[in-house]
Every structure is written in C-alpha cells, then in structure tokens.
C-alpha atoms as a PDB file:
ATOM      1  CA  MET A   1      78.450 114.611  57.032  1.00  0.00           C
ATOM      2  CA  SER A   2      78.583 111.186  58.507  1.00  0.00           C
ATOM      3  CA  VAL A   3      82.343 111.418  59.254  1.00  0.00           C
ATOM      4  CA  SER A   4      82.046 114.732  61.103  1.00  0.00           C
ATOM      5  CA  THR A   5      79.014 113.319  63.085  1.00  0.00           C
ATOM      6  CA  SER A   6      80.908 110.242  64.153  1.00  0.00           C
ATOM      7  CA  ALA A   7      83.896 112.389  64.911  1.00  0.00           C
ATOM      8  CA  ALA A   8      81.806 114.758  67.018  1.00  0.00           C
ATOM      9  CA  GLY A   9      80.070 111.733  68.862  1.00  0.00           C
ATOM     10  CA  LEU A  10      83.472 110.304  69.706  1.00  0.00           C
ATOM     11  CA  PRO A  11      84.150 112.428  72.822  1.00  0.00           C
ATOM     12  CA  VAL A  12      80.737 111.788  73.992  1.00  0.00           C
ATOM     13  CA  ARG A  13      81.108 108.010  73.759  1.00  0.00           C
ATOM     14  CA  ILE A  14      84.485 108.417  75.477  1.00  0.00           C
ATOM     15  CA  ARG A  15      82.878 110.248  78.375  1.00  0.00           C
ATOM     16  CA  ALA A  16      80.042 107.686  78.537  1.00  0.00           C
ATOM     17  CA  CYS A  17      82.527 104.751  78.887  1.00  0.00           C
ATOM     18  CA  TRP A  18      84.646 106.809  81.256  1.00  0.00           C
ATOM     19  CA  ARG A  19      81.566 107.249  83.493  1.00  0.00           C
ATOM     20  CA  HIS A  20      80.645 103.521  83.550  1.00  0.00           C
ATOM     21  CA  PRO A  21      80.628 102.460  87.145  1.00  0.00           C
ATOM     22  CA  VAL A  22      82.774  99.285  86.673  1.00  0.00           C
ATOM     23  CA  LEU A  23      85.580 101.295  84.739  1.00  0.00           C
ATOM     24  CA  SER A  24      85.501 104.133  87.198  1.00  0.00           C
ATOM     25  CA  LEU A  25      85.839 101.665  90.237  1.00  0.00           C
ATOM     26  CA  ALA A  26      88.767  99.955  88.350  1.00  0.00           C
ATOM     27  CA  VAL A  27      90.579 103.301  87.683  1.00  0.00           C
ATOM     28  CA  THR A  28      90.051 104.610  91.411  1.00  0.00           C
ATOM     29  CA  TYR A  29      90.900 101.431  93.199  1.00  0.00           C
ATOM     30  CA  VAL A  30      93.231  99.626  90.844  1.00  0.00           C
ATOM     31  CA  LEU A  31      94.958 101.795  88.220  1.00  0.00           C
ATOM     32  CA  SER A  32      95.304 104.870  90.439  1.00  0.00           C
ATOM     33  CA  PRO A  33      97.103 103.132  93.387  1.00  0.00           C
ATOM     34  CA  VAL A  34      99.308 101.086  90.969  1.00  0.00           C
ATOM     35  CA  VAL A  35     100.463 104.257  89.187  1.00  0.00           C
ATOM     36  CA  THR A  36     100.947 106.093  92.467  1.00  0.00           C
ATOM     37  CA  VAL A  37     103.245 103.194  93.750  1.00  0.00           C
ATOM     38  CA  LEU A  38     105.192 103.165  90.440  1.00  0.00           C
ATOM     39  CA  CYS A  39     105.718 106.871  90.629  1.00  0.00           C
ATOM     40  CA  ALA A  40     106.827 106.773  94.214  1.00  0.00           C
ATOM     41  CA  THR A  41     109.085 103.878  93.703  1.00  0.00           C
ATOM     42  CA  PHE A  42     110.860 105.706  90.886  1.00  0.00           C
ATOM     43  CA  LEU A  43     111.332 108.898  92.876  1.00  0.00           C
ATOM     44  CA  LEU A  44     112.616 106.823  95.988  1.00  0.00           C
ATOM     45  CA  PHE A  45     114.917 104.979  93.668  1.00  0.00           C
ATOM     46  CA  ALA A  46     116.107 108.127  92.006  1.00  0.00           C
ATOM     47  CA  VAL A  47     116.664 109.969  95.298  1.00  0.00           C
ATOM     48  CA  LEU A  48     118.698 107.047  96.921  1.00  0.00           C
ATOM     49  CA  SER A  49     120.606 106.494  93.748  1.00  0.00           C
ATOM     50  CA  LEU A  50     121.561 110.147  93.475  1.00  0.00           C
ATOM     51  CA  SER A  51     122.193 110.823  97.148  1.00  0.00           C
ATOM     52  CA  PRO A  52     125.706 111.723  98.235  1.00  0.00           C
ATOM     53  CA  GLY A  53     127.981 108.832  98.943  1.00  0.00           C
ATOM     54  CA  ASP A  54     129.478 106.028  96.980  1.00  0.00           C
ATOM     55  CA  PRO A  55     128.201 102.388  97.981  1.00  0.00           C
ATOM     56  CA  VAL A  56     131.199 100.812  96.348  1.00  0.00           C
ATOM     57  CA  ALA A  57     133.570 102.828  98.738  1.00  0.00           C
ATOM     58  CA  ALA A  58     131.517 101.800 101.660  1.00  0.00           C
ATOM     59  CA  LEU A  59     131.429  98.179 100.417  1.00  0.00           C
ATOM     60  CA  LEU A  60     135.112  97.777  99.554  1.00  0.00           C
ATOM     61  CA  GLY A  61     136.820 100.356 102.153  1.00  0.00           C
ATOM     62  CA  PRO A  62     139.003 103.046 101.487  1.00  0.00           C
ATOM     63  CA  HIS A  63     142.147 100.904 100.469  1.00  0.00           C
ATOM     64  CA  ALA A  64     140.603  99.388  97.399  1.00  0.00           C
ATOM     65  CA  THR A  65     142.040  99.857  94.069  1.00  0.00           C
ATOM     66  CA  ASP A  66     140.471 101.701  91.166  1.00  0.00           C
ATOM     67  CA  SER A  67     140.268  98.622  89.107  1.00  0.00           C
ATOM     68  CA  ALA A  68     138.388  96.899  91.838  1.00  0.00           C
ATOM     69  CA  ARG A  69     136.028  99.718  92.390  1.00  0.00           C
ATOM     70  CA  ALA A  70     135.393  99.879  88.630  1.00  0.00           C
ATOM     71  CA  ALA A  71     134.739  96.033  88.411  1.00  0.00           C
ATOM     72  CA  THR A  72     132.411  96.240  91.397  1.00  0.00           C
ATOM     73  CA  ARG A  73     130.514  99.212  89.896  1.00  0.00           C
ATOM     74  CA  ALA A  74     130.066  97.281  86.608  1.00  0.00           C
ATOM     75  CA  ARG A  75     128.986  94.191  88.417  1.00  0.00           C
ATOM     76  CA  LEU A  76     126.324  95.913  90.454  1.00  0.00           C
ATOM     77  CA  GLY A  77     125.246  97.883  87.424  1.00  0.00           C
ATOM     78  CA  LEU A  78     125.902 101.349  89.041  1.00  0.00           C
ATOM     79  CA  ASP A  79     127.286 102.596  85.934  1.00  0.00           C
ATOM     80  CA  ASP A  80     124.038 102.153  83.905  1.00  0.00           C
ATOM     81  CA  PRO A  81     121.674 104.909  83.253  1.00  0.00           C
ATOM     82  CA  LEU A  82     119.194 105.646  86.029  1.00  0.00           C
ATOM     83  CA  PRO A  83     116.088 104.474  83.996  1.00  0.00           C
ATOM     84  CA  GLU A  84     117.637 101.308  83.012  1.00  0.00           C
ATOM     85  CA  ARG A  85     118.785 100.406  86.560  1.00  0.00           C
ATOM     86  CA  TYR A  86     115.143 101.133  87.733  1.00  0.00           C
ATOM     87  CA  TRP A  87     113.696  99.042  84.968  1.00  0.00           C
ATOM     88  CA  HIS A  88     115.968  96.045  86.010  1.00  0.00           C
ATOM     89  CA  TRP A  89     115.080  96.624  89.769  1.00  0.00           C
ATOM     90  CA  LEU A  90     111.300  96.791  89.021  1.00  0.00           C
ATOM     91  CA  THR A  91     111.242  93.684  86.788  1.00  0.00           C
ATOM     92  CA  ASP A  92     113.041  91.637  89.471  1.00  0.00           C
ATOM     93  CA  ALA A  93     110.880  93.017  92.384  1.00  0.00           C
ATOM     94  CA  LEU A  94     107.739  92.070  90.373  1.00  0.00           C
ATOM     95  CA  HIS A  95     109.348  88.376  90.153  1.00  0.00           C
ATOM     96  CA  GLY A  96     109.942  88.458  93.969  1.00  0.00           C
ATOM     97  CA  ASP A  97     113.708  89.490  93.789  1.00  0.00           C
ATOM     98  CA  LEU A  98     114.452  92.503  95.845  1.00  0.00           C
ATOM     99  CA  GLY A  99     118.255  92.481  95.249  1.00  0.00           C
ATOM    100  CA  THR A 100     121.019  91.561  97.494  1.00  0.00           C
ATOM    101  CA  SER A 101     122.256  93.736 100.454  1.00  0.00           C
ATOM    102  CA  LEU A 102     125.671  95.198  99.737  1.00  0.00           C
ATOM    103  CA  THR A 103     126.470  95.126 103.626  1.00  0.00           C
ATOM    104  CA  TYR A 104     124.990  91.877 104.669  1.00  0.00           C
ATOM    105  CA  ARG A 105     125.659  89.923 101.279  1.00  0.00           C
ATOM    106  CA  GLN A 106     122.166  88.389 101.692  1.00  0.00           C
ATOM    107  CA  PRO A 107     118.975  88.670  99.684  1.00  0.00           C
ATOM    108  CA  VAL A 108     116.836  91.591 100.816  1.00  0.00           C
ATOM    109  CA  SER A 109     113.711  89.348 101.333  1.00  0.00           C
ATOM    110  CA  ASP A 110     115.826  87.244 103.817  1.00  0.00           C
ATOM    111  CA  LEU A 111     116.635  90.450 105.777  1.00  0.00           C
ATOM    112  CA  LEU A 112     113.066  91.648 105.752  1.00  0.00           C
ATOM    113  CA  ALA A 113     111.320  88.274 106.572  1.00  0.00           C
ATOM    114  CA  PRO A 114     112.453  87.970 110.303  1.00  0.00           C
ATOM    115  CA  ARG A 115     112.016  91.802 110.991  1.00  0.00           C
ATOM    116  CA  LEU A 116     108.697  92.447 109.446  1.00  0.00           C
ATOM    117  CA  PRO A 117     106.670  90.643 111.996  1.00  0.00           C
ATOM    118  CA  THR A 118     108.221  92.551 114.880  1.00  0.00           C
ATOM    119  CA  THR A 119     107.319  95.920 113.083  1.00  0.00           C
ATOM    120  CA  LEU A 120     103.776  94.696 112.241  1.00  0.00           C
ATOM    121  CA  LEU A 121     103.280  93.737 115.985  1.00  0.00           C
ATOM    122  CA  LEU A 122     104.500  97.192 117.047  1.00  0.00           C
ATOM    123  CA  VAL A 123     102.076  98.854 114.689  1.00  0.00           C
ATOM    124  CA  ALA A 124      99.078  96.576 115.614  1.00  0.00           C
ATOM    125  CA  LEU A 125      99.769  97.257 119.224  1.00  0.00           C
ATOM    126  CA  SER A 126     100.110 101.196 118.624  1.00  0.00           C
ATOM    127  CA  ALA A 127      97.055 101.104 116.537  1.00  0.00           C
ATOM    128  CA  VAL A 128      94.964  99.760 119.285  1.00  0.00           C
ATOM    129  CA  LEU A 129      96.275 102.106 121.821  1.00  0.00           C
ATOM    130  CA  ILE A 130      95.578 105.018 119.335  1.00  0.00           C
ATOM    131  CA  LEU A 131      92.050 103.926 118.358  1.00  0.00           C
ATOM    132  CA  ALA A 132      91.156 103.217 122.171  1.00  0.00           C
ATOM    133  CA  ALA A 133      92.374 106.522 123.698  1.00  0.00           C
ATOM    134  CA  GLY A 134      91.630 108.701 120.556  1.00  0.00           C
ATOM    135  CA  LEU A 135      87.895 107.536 120.178  1.00  0.00           C
ATOM    136  CA  VAL A 136      87.142 107.422 123.948  1.00  0.00           C
ATOM    137  CA  LEU A 137      88.849 110.723 124.908  1.00  0.00           C
ATOM    138  CA  GLY A 138      87.630 112.337 121.635  1.00  0.00           C
ATOM    139  CA  GLY A 139      83.948 111.096 122.366  1.00  0.00           C
ATOM    140  CA  ILE A 140      84.120 112.570 125.885  1.00  0.00           C
ATOM    141  CA  GLY A 141      85.381 115.825 124.590  1.00  0.00           C
ATOM    142  CA  GLY A 142      82.867 115.980 121.756  1.00  0.00           C
ATOM    143  CA  THR A 143      79.771 115.243 124.021  1.00  0.00           C
ATOM    144  CA  SER A 144      80.755 116.842 127.293  1.00  0.00           C
ATOM    145  CA  PRO A 145      81.343 120.703 127.097  1.00  0.00           C
ATOM    146  CA  ARG A 146      82.786 120.473 130.558  1.00  0.00           C
ATOM    147  CA  TRP A 147      85.431 118.049 129.591  1.00  0.00           C
ATOM    148  CA  ARG A 148      86.124 119.653 126.145  1.00  0.00           C
ATOM    149  CA  PRO A 149      88.821 122.011 127.277  1.00  0.00           C
ATOM    150  CA  TRP A 150      90.646 119.335 129.080  1.00  0.00           C
ATOM    151  CA  THR A 151      90.660 116.987 126.162  1.00  0.00           C
ATOM    152  CA  ASN A 152      91.731 119.811 123.931  1.00  0.00           C
ATOM    153  CA  ALA A 153      94.541 120.734 126.151  1.00  0.00           C
ATOM    154  CA  LEU A 154      95.656 117.080 126.534  1.00  0.00           C
ATOM    155  CA  SER A 155      95.522 116.332 122.588  1.00  0.00           C
ATOM    156  CA  GLY A 156      97.361 119.642 122.018  1.00  0.00           C
ATOM    157  CA  LEU A 157     100.154 118.697 124.439  1.00  0.00           C
ATOM    158  CA  GLY A 158     100.411 115.254 122.813  1.00  0.00           C
ATOM    159  CA  ILE A 159     100.683 116.671 119.360  1.00  0.00           C
ATOM    160  CA  ALA A 160     103.419 119.114 120.432  1.00  0.00           C
ATOM    161  CA  VAL A 161     105.642 116.587 121.928  1.00  0.00           C
ATOM    162  CA  PRO A 162     107.848 114.915 119.342  1.00  0.00           C
ATOM    163  CA  ALA A 163     108.224 111.186 119.161  1.00  0.00           C
ATOM    164  CA  PHE A 164     111.948 111.360 120.037  1.00  0.00           C
ATOM    165  CA  VAL A 165     111.263 113.552 123.051  1.00  0.00           C
ATOM    166  CA  ALA A 166     108.523 111.189 124.274  1.00  0.00           C
ATOM    167  CA  THR A 167     110.725 108.195 123.734  1.00  0.00           C
ATOM    168  CA  THR A 168     113.429 109.792 125.959  1.00  0.00           C
ATOM    169  CA  LEU A 169     111.009 110.511 128.636  1.00  0.00           C
ATOM    170  CA  LEU A 170     109.344 107.103 128.670  1.00  0.00           C
ATOM    171  CA  ILE A 171     112.815 105.364 128.623  1.00  0.00           C
ATOM    172  CA  SER A 172     114.137 107.456 131.544  1.00  0.00           C
ATOM    173  CA  VAL A 173     111.082 107.309 133.717  1.00  0.00           C
ATOM    174  CA  PHE A 174     109.420 103.799 133.131  1.00  0.00           C
ATOM    175  CA  ALA A 175     112.526 101.754 132.101  1.00  0.00           C
ATOM    176  CA  VAL A 176     115.427 103.276 134.050  1.00  0.00           C
ATOM    177  CA  ASN A 177     114.014 104.783 137.161  1.00  0.00           C
ATOM    178  CA  LEU A 178     110.985 102.473 137.750  1.00  0.00           C
ATOM    179  CA  GLY A 179     112.198  99.557 135.956  1.00  0.00           C
ATOM    180  CA  TRP A 180     108.823  98.339 134.841  1.00  0.00           C
ATOM    181  CA  PHE A 181     109.652  97.741 131.416  1.00  0.00           C
ATOM    182  CA  PRO A 182     112.941  96.603 129.389  1.00  0.00           C
ATOM    183  CA  THR A 183     115.089  99.464 127.759  1.00  0.00           C
ATOM    184  CA  SER A 184     115.731  97.579 124.559  1.00  0.00           C
ATOM    185  CA  GLY A 185     114.938  94.557 122.269  1.00  0.00           C
ATOM    186  CA  ALA A 186     111.817  93.139 121.109  1.00  0.00           C
ATOM    187  CA  GLY A 187     111.710  89.814 123.398  1.00  0.00           C
ATOM    188  CA  SER A 188     110.817  86.309 122.365  1.00  0.00           C
ATOM    189  CA  GLY A 189     107.308  84.739 122.514  1.00  0.00           C
ATOM    190  CA  LEU A 190     104.124  86.559 122.239  1.00  0.00           C
ATOM    191  CA  THR A 191     103.713  87.626 125.928  1.00  0.00           C
ATOM    192  CA  ASP A 192     107.466  88.521 126.164  1.00  0.00           C
ATOM    193  CA  ARG A 193     107.215  90.642 123.040  1.00  0.00           C
ATOM    194  CA  LEU A 194     104.053  92.443 123.960  1.00  0.00           C
ATOM    195  CA  TRP A 195     105.860  93.417 127.304  1.00  0.00           C
ATOM    196  CA  HIS A 196     108.883  94.586 125.475  1.00  0.00           C
ATOM    197  CA  LEU A 197     107.033  96.602 122.740  1.00  0.00           C
ATOM    198  CA  THR A 198     104.457  98.128 125.066  1.00  0.00           C
ATOM    199  CA  LEU A 199     106.711 101.126 125.884  1.00  0.00           C
ATOM    200  CA  PRO A 200     107.652 101.792 122.328  1.00  0.00           C
ATOM    201  CA  ALA A 201     104.026 101.392 121.398  1.00  0.00           C
ATOM    202  CA  VAL A 202     103.020 104.038 123.770  1.00  0.00           C
ATOM    203  CA  ALA A 203     105.798 106.398 122.401  1.00  0.00           C
ATOM    204  CA  LEU A 204     104.571 105.760 118.926  1.00  0.00           C
ATOM    205  CA  SER A 205     100.980 106.316 119.756  1.00  0.00           C
ATOM    206  CA  ILE A 206     101.118 109.537 121.743  1.00  0.00           C
ATOM    207  CA  GLY A 207     101.154 111.919 118.772  1.00  0.00           C
ATOM    208  CA  TYR A 208      98.899 109.938 116.583  1.00  0.00           C
ATOM    209  CA  GLY A 209      96.447 109.479 119.425  1.00  0.00           C
ATOM    210  CA  ALA A 210      96.377 113.206 120.306  1.00  0.00           C
ATOM    211  CA  TYR A 211      95.773 113.900 116.667  1.00  0.00           C
ATOM    212  CA  LEU A 212      92.834 111.355 116.506  1.00  0.00           C
ATOM    213  CA  THR A 213      91.416 112.637 119.820  1.00  0.00           C
ATOM    214  CA  GLN A 214      91.462 116.254 118.443  1.00  0.00           C
ATOM    215  CA  MET A 215      89.558 115.154 115.186  1.00  0.00           C
ATOM    216  CA  THR A 216      87.096 112.871 116.880  1.00  0.00           C
ATOM    217  CA  SER A 217      86.270 115.666 119.406  1.00  0.00           C
ATOM    218  CA  SER A 218      85.848 118.221 116.673  1.00  0.00           C
ATOM    219  CA  ALA A 219      83.605 116.035 114.396  1.00  0.00           C
ATOM    220  CA  ILE A 220      81.380 114.836 117.329  1.00  0.00           C
ATOM    221  CA  GLY A 221      81.187 118.533 118.753  1.00  0.00           C
ATOM    222  CA  GLU A 222      80.316 120.097 115.464  1.00  0.00           C
ATOM    223  CA  GLU A 223      77.572 117.371 114.893  1.00  0.00           C
ATOM    224  CA  ALA A 224      76.282 117.881 118.450  1.00  0.00           C
ATOM    225  CA  GLU A 225      75.640 121.482 117.688  1.00  0.00           C
ATOM    226  CA  ALA A 226      73.846 120.952 114.506  1.00  0.00           C
ATOM    227  CA  GLU A 227      70.411 122.331 113.919  1.00  0.00           C
ATOM    228  CA  HIS A 228      68.664 118.972 113.496  1.00  0.00           C
ATOM    229  CA  VAL A 229      70.281 117.524 116.723  1.00  0.00           C
ATOM    230  CA  VAL A 230      69.234 120.734 118.643  1.00  0.00           C
ATOM    231  CA  THR A 231      65.618 120.332 117.217  1.00  0.00           C
ATOM    232  CA  GLY A 232      65.524 116.579 118.271  1.00  0.00           C
ATOM    233  CA  ARG A 233      66.505 117.473 121.645  1.00  0.00           C
ATOM    234  CA  GLY A 234      63.885 120.140 122.018  1.00  0.00           C
ATOM    235  CA  ARG A 235      61.299 117.607 121.028  1.00  0.00           C
ATOM    236  CA  GLY A 236      62.265 115.254 123.733  1.00  0.00           C
ATOM    237  CA  LEU A 237      64.000 112.507 121.735  1.00  0.00           C
ATOM    238  CA  PRO A 238      66.128 110.196 123.677  1.00  0.00           C
ATOM    239  CA  ARG A 239      69.662 111.436 123.888  1.00  0.00           C
ATOM    240  CA  THR A 240      71.198 108.098 123.145  1.00  0.00           C
ATOM    241  CA  TRP A 241      68.997 107.647 120.160  1.00  0.00           C
ATOM    242  CA  ILE A 242      69.895 111.148 118.848  1.00  0.00           C
ATOM    243  CA  PHE A 243      73.774 110.232 119.501  1.00  0.00           C
ATOM    244  CA  ARG A 244      73.497 106.758 117.659  1.00  0.00           C
ATOM    245  CA  ARG A 245      71.488 107.991 114.709  1.00  0.00           C
ATOM    246  CA  HIS A 246      72.589 111.535 114.107  1.00  0.00           C
ATOM    247  CA  ILE A 247      75.679 112.522 115.767  1.00  0.00           C
ATOM    248  CA  LEU A 248      77.770 109.320 115.644  1.00  0.00           C
ATOM    249  CA  ARG A 249      76.513 108.527 112.191  1.00  0.00           C
ATOM    250  CA  ASN A 250      77.414 111.877 110.700  1.00  0.00           C
ATOM    251  CA  ALA A 251      80.754 112.179 112.541  1.00  0.00           C
ATOM    252  CA  ALA A 252      81.886 108.530 111.447  1.00  0.00           C
ATOM    253  CA  LEU A 253      83.416 109.814 108.148  1.00  0.00           C
ATOM    254  CA  PRO A 254      86.018 112.207 109.320  1.00  0.00           C
ATOM    255  CA  VAL A 255      86.648 110.081 112.351  1.00  0.00           C
ATOM    256  CA  LEU A 256      87.377 107.061 109.852  1.00  0.00           C
ATOM    257  CA  THR A 257      89.483 109.329 107.772  1.00  0.00           C
ATOM    258  CA  ALA A 258      91.564 110.411 110.519  1.00  0.00           C
ATOM    259  CA  SER A 259      91.942 106.808 111.923  1.00  0.00           C
ATOM    260  CA  GLY A 260      92.896 105.395 108.440  1.00  0.00           C
ATOM    261  CA  LEU A 261      95.593 108.034 108.076  1.00  0.00           C
ATOM    262  CA  THR A 262      96.748 107.617 111.581  1.00  0.00           C
ATOM    263  CA  VAL A 263      97.331 103.801 111.168  1.00  0.00           C
ATOM    264  CA  ALA A 264      98.976 104.282 107.680  1.00  0.00           C
ATOM    265  CA  GLY A 265     101.598 106.560 109.137  1.00  0.00           C
ATOM    266  CA  LEU A 266     102.479 104.204 111.868  1.00  0.00           C
ATOM    267  CA  VAL A 267     104.952 102.268 109.650  1.00  0.00           C
ATOM    268  CA  ALA A 268     106.877 105.326 108.879  1.00  0.00           C
ATOM    269  CA  GLY A 269     106.739 106.190 112.530  1.00  0.00           C
ATOM    270  CA  ALA A 270     108.487 103.155 113.490  1.00  0.00           C
ATOM    271  CA  VAL A 271     111.594 104.432 111.878  1.00  0.00           C
ATOM    272  CA  VAL A 272     112.108 106.801 114.739  1.00  0.00           C
ATOM    273  CA  VAL A 273     110.986 104.611 117.695  1.00  0.00           C
ATOM    274  CA  GLU A 274     112.683 101.341 116.777  1.00  0.00           C
ATOM    275  CA  PRO A 275     116.251 102.559 116.812  1.00  0.00           C
ATOM    276  CA  ALA A 276     115.642 104.240 120.102  1.00  0.00           C
ATOM    277  CA  PHE A 277     114.410 101.210 121.856  1.00  0.00           C
ATOM    278  CA  GLY A 278     116.858  98.827 120.117  1.00  0.00           C
ATOM    279  CA  ILE A 279     114.243  97.072 118.143  1.00  0.00           C
ATOM    280  CA  ASP A 280     115.570  95.174 115.174  1.00  0.00           C
ATOM    281  CA  GLY A 281     112.526  95.922 112.882  1.00  0.00           C
ATOM    282  CA  ILE A 282     112.336  97.258 109.416  1.00  0.00           C
ATOM    283  CA  GLY A 283     112.666 100.809 110.801  1.00  0.00           C
ATOM    284  CA  SER A 284     116.074 100.143 112.263  1.00  0.00           C
ATOM    285  CA  LEU A 285     117.051  98.186 109.262  1.00  0.00           C
ATOM    286  CA  LEU A 286     116.226 101.485 107.148  1.00  0.00           C
ATOM    287  CA  ILE A 287     118.294 103.766 109.197  1.00  0.00           C
ATOM    288  CA  ARG A 288     121.332 101.329 109.162  1.00  0.00           C
ATOM    289  CA  SER A 289     120.896 100.771 105.459  1.00  0.00           C
ATOM    290  CA  VAL A 290     120.786 104.547 104.583  1.00  0.00           C
ATOM    291  CA  SER A 291     123.867 105.167 106.765  1.00  0.00           C
ATOM    292  CA  ALA A 292     125.860 102.386 105.123  1.00  0.00           C
ATOM    293  CA  LYS A 293     124.822 103.305 101.498  1.00  0.00           C
ATOM    294  CA  ASP A 294     123.020  99.920 101.194  1.00  0.00           C
ATOM    295  CA  TYR A 295     120.830 101.164  98.565  1.00  0.00           C
ATOM    296  CA  PRO A 296     118.974  97.729  97.662  1.00  0.00           C
ATOM    297  CA  VAL A 297     117.778  97.384 101.349  1.00  0.00           C
ATOM    298  CA  ALA A 298     116.844 101.019 101.655  1.00  0.00           C
ATOM    299  CA  THR A 299     114.979 100.831  98.380  1.00  0.00           C
ATOM    300  CA  ALA A 300     112.977  97.930  99.312  1.00  0.00           C
ATOM    301  CA  VAL A 301     112.034  99.109 103.000  1.00  0.00           C
ATOM    302  CA  SER A 302     111.164 102.471 101.468  1.00  0.00           C
ATOM    303  CA  VAL A 303     108.965 101.024  98.917  1.00  0.00           C
ATOM    304  CA  LEU A 304     107.277  98.730 101.399  1.00  0.00           C
ATOM    305  CA  ILE A 305     106.332 101.605 103.504  1.00  0.00           C
ATOM    306  CA  VAL A 306     104.978 103.558 100.471  1.00  0.00           C
ATOM    307  CA  THR A 307     103.039 100.598  99.369  1.00  0.00           C
ATOM    308  CA  VAL A 308     101.346 100.143 102.922  1.00  0.00           C
ATOM    309  CA  PHE A 309     100.374 103.703 103.054  1.00  0.00           C
ATOM    310  CA  VAL A 310      98.804 103.647  99.450  1.00  0.00           C
ATOM    311  CA  VAL A 311      96.900 100.450 100.090  1.00  0.00           C
ATOM    312  CA  VAL A 312      95.519 101.755 103.584  1.00  0.00           C
ATOM    313  CA  THR A 313      94.485 105.016 101.977  1.00  0.00           C
ATOM    314  CA  THR A 314      92.805 103.081  98.940  1.00  0.00           C
ATOM    315  CA  LEU A 315      90.856 101.175 101.488  1.00  0.00           C
ATOM    316  CA  LEU A 316      89.889 104.189 103.358  1.00  0.00           C
ATOM    317  CA  ASP A 317      88.654 105.948 100.241  1.00  0.00           C
ATOM    318  CA  ALA A 318      86.590 102.948  99.588  1.00  0.00           C
ATOM    319  CA  GLY A 319      85.164 102.876 103.117  1.00  0.00           C
ATOM    320  CA  GLN A 320      84.254 106.495 102.762  1.00  0.00           C
ATOM    321  CA  HIS A 321      82.270 105.809  99.665  1.00  0.00           C
ATOM    322  CA  LEU A 322      80.373 103.062 101.391  1.00  0.00           C
ATOM    323  CA  LEU A 323      79.519 105.128 104.393  1.00  0.00           C
ATOM    324  CA  ASP A 324      78.511 108.278 102.507  1.00  0.00           C
ATOM    325  CA  PRO A 325      76.041 107.877  99.667  1.00  0.00           C
ATOM    326  CA  ARG A 326      76.784 111.476  98.517  1.00  0.00           C
ATOM    327  CA  LEU A 327      80.265 110.516  97.493  1.00  0.00           C
ATOM    328  CA  ARG A 328      78.820 107.548  95.236  1.00  0.00           C
ATOM    329  CA  LYS A 329      76.436 109.864  93.697  1.00  0.00           C
ATOM    330  CA  GLY A 330      79.269 112.403  92.964  1.00  0.00           C
ATOM    331  CA  ARG A 331      81.319 109.800  91.360  1.00  0.00           C
END
C-alpha cells in the first residue's frame, strides 16, 4: 500500500516542482533558448554540409589530383559522419574557436571581428529609423480616424516593396542622380560611417517600419474604440489621461512584440542590403562564403544571426511578462 501511494504521489511532486517559479523561469529563459540555438545550429550545419558543391574543389581548383583532394578532405574532416563533425565544431565553438576559413585561410573570428561593428551600426541606425517612423506614424493613424487611411496606405506600400527594389530606387535617385549619398562603402570614422550607412539603413527600414506602423496603428485604434475608453470620454475625462492610462498602456504589449521581432530580423535583413551597397559586413561575408562553399564562415555567420534572434525574442518574452500581469498568473 505504501509503495503504490508513493508511486501515485510521484507525478504530483514532479508537477509541483515543475510549477516552482524559479524552475519555470530557468526553463523558459535559459534552457529553452539554449536548446533552440543547439537545434538551429545543427540544422544549419547539416544543411550547409549537405548542400550541393564540393568545398575541396572550390579550394584546390579543377586541376587538383585525386590524392590531393583525398588528403584535403581527410585533413578537414569532411569524410567524418555528420554528427561527429557537428560535435567537433560545437566543442571548438564553445572554446572560442569557430574554425578556419577555406577561402581566406584565416580564423573565422578574425574575419568577423572587423565586420561585425559595421553591421551592428547599420542595424542600430535602422532600428532608430524604424522605431521613430513606426511609432509616430502608427500613433497618428491609431488616434486620428482622418489620417488612418493615409497611414494604412503608406504602410501597405512599404510592406509591398521588396528590399532589393527599394535599394535600387534609393541608389538610383539619391546616390546617382542627386549625389547626396555615396553609392558604396561603409566610410571611416563615426560621422563618415553614419553618412555612408544612412541610405542602406533607409532601405533596410522601409519594410520593417511599415510593418511596425501597421501594428501600432491597429493596436492603438482597437484600444481607442474599447468600451471603457468610450465610457471615459462620455464622462468627460481628459483625453490625454485616457490615452496615457488606458489606450497606450493596453496597446504597449502588441507594439512591444512587433518592435522586438522587427529589431531581431534586422540582422538577417542586412544580408540583402549590404552587398547591394558594397558594405563589407557580415551579410556580405555570408553571401561570399556561401558562393565559395566556405562552410566554416557560412556556419559561423548563420549561427550568429540565429543566436541574436533567439536572444532578442527571449528578452521580448521577458518584457511581455513584466508588462502584463495576466501572463505571470498564467505561468
């Protein structure tokens, strides 16, 4: 009887431990992101390793002998099973060794170090433009029924225009015809870099800014038409107080979600914009490494993009639970 009772109480104890706040937070904000990054890195490693093309042929050229190719494959470990190669790469990456580039014959970390600040500055400048335009235009469209059709049309146009089309138009108009901005390069020094990266940041922020404008306008417009807001207006409460205490406060959660996802996607969006403007960032490096079958560089850059996205979305989830007490109770 005692054995069955203890066995029956075991699942209850497990559920009680699982619902412990500290354990729940650890699983949500530590274990879950780590598992997500590991699964994503394995999938990226597998896809890049199994993709068409031979890195040895790209490295040695078409006139290499079979013995030289076999020796190179053995030296690089390309003949090992995929799980074994991934395990070696993961253990080396955890110790700070991202491998050696097959094309540049340099450590991958040395290739990323000078290019990462350029991409981060481009992402930061784009994020400022997106948040400024998206929140301002979305707030105008959400609070003013007169301006709402115009903001919806503008955001719809921005979402419909692909990034490469916006890049071509911006280069043609503002760089070639008007000569206001340089056509390529990232510049040197902070002021010169900001001048060189302004046009790429605008091209990168058009689609994301339009999406944020649409989400902000919808969230604020929905809250402005809520029953308690209409009742407050009928009682003669100040409009600024209603907007601050009820509309803006309740609309902050979806706006925060849209803003976080937008910023998280900027690093991946730089892959399209950087090569078009001749910016030597990690986006351009990823394009060149994939074309040259330089798998160590392509894997490292892809893993970096995935890690940034997972970290930003995890912080976004934490911010949502801090803003909305209903989510904390639901945990």
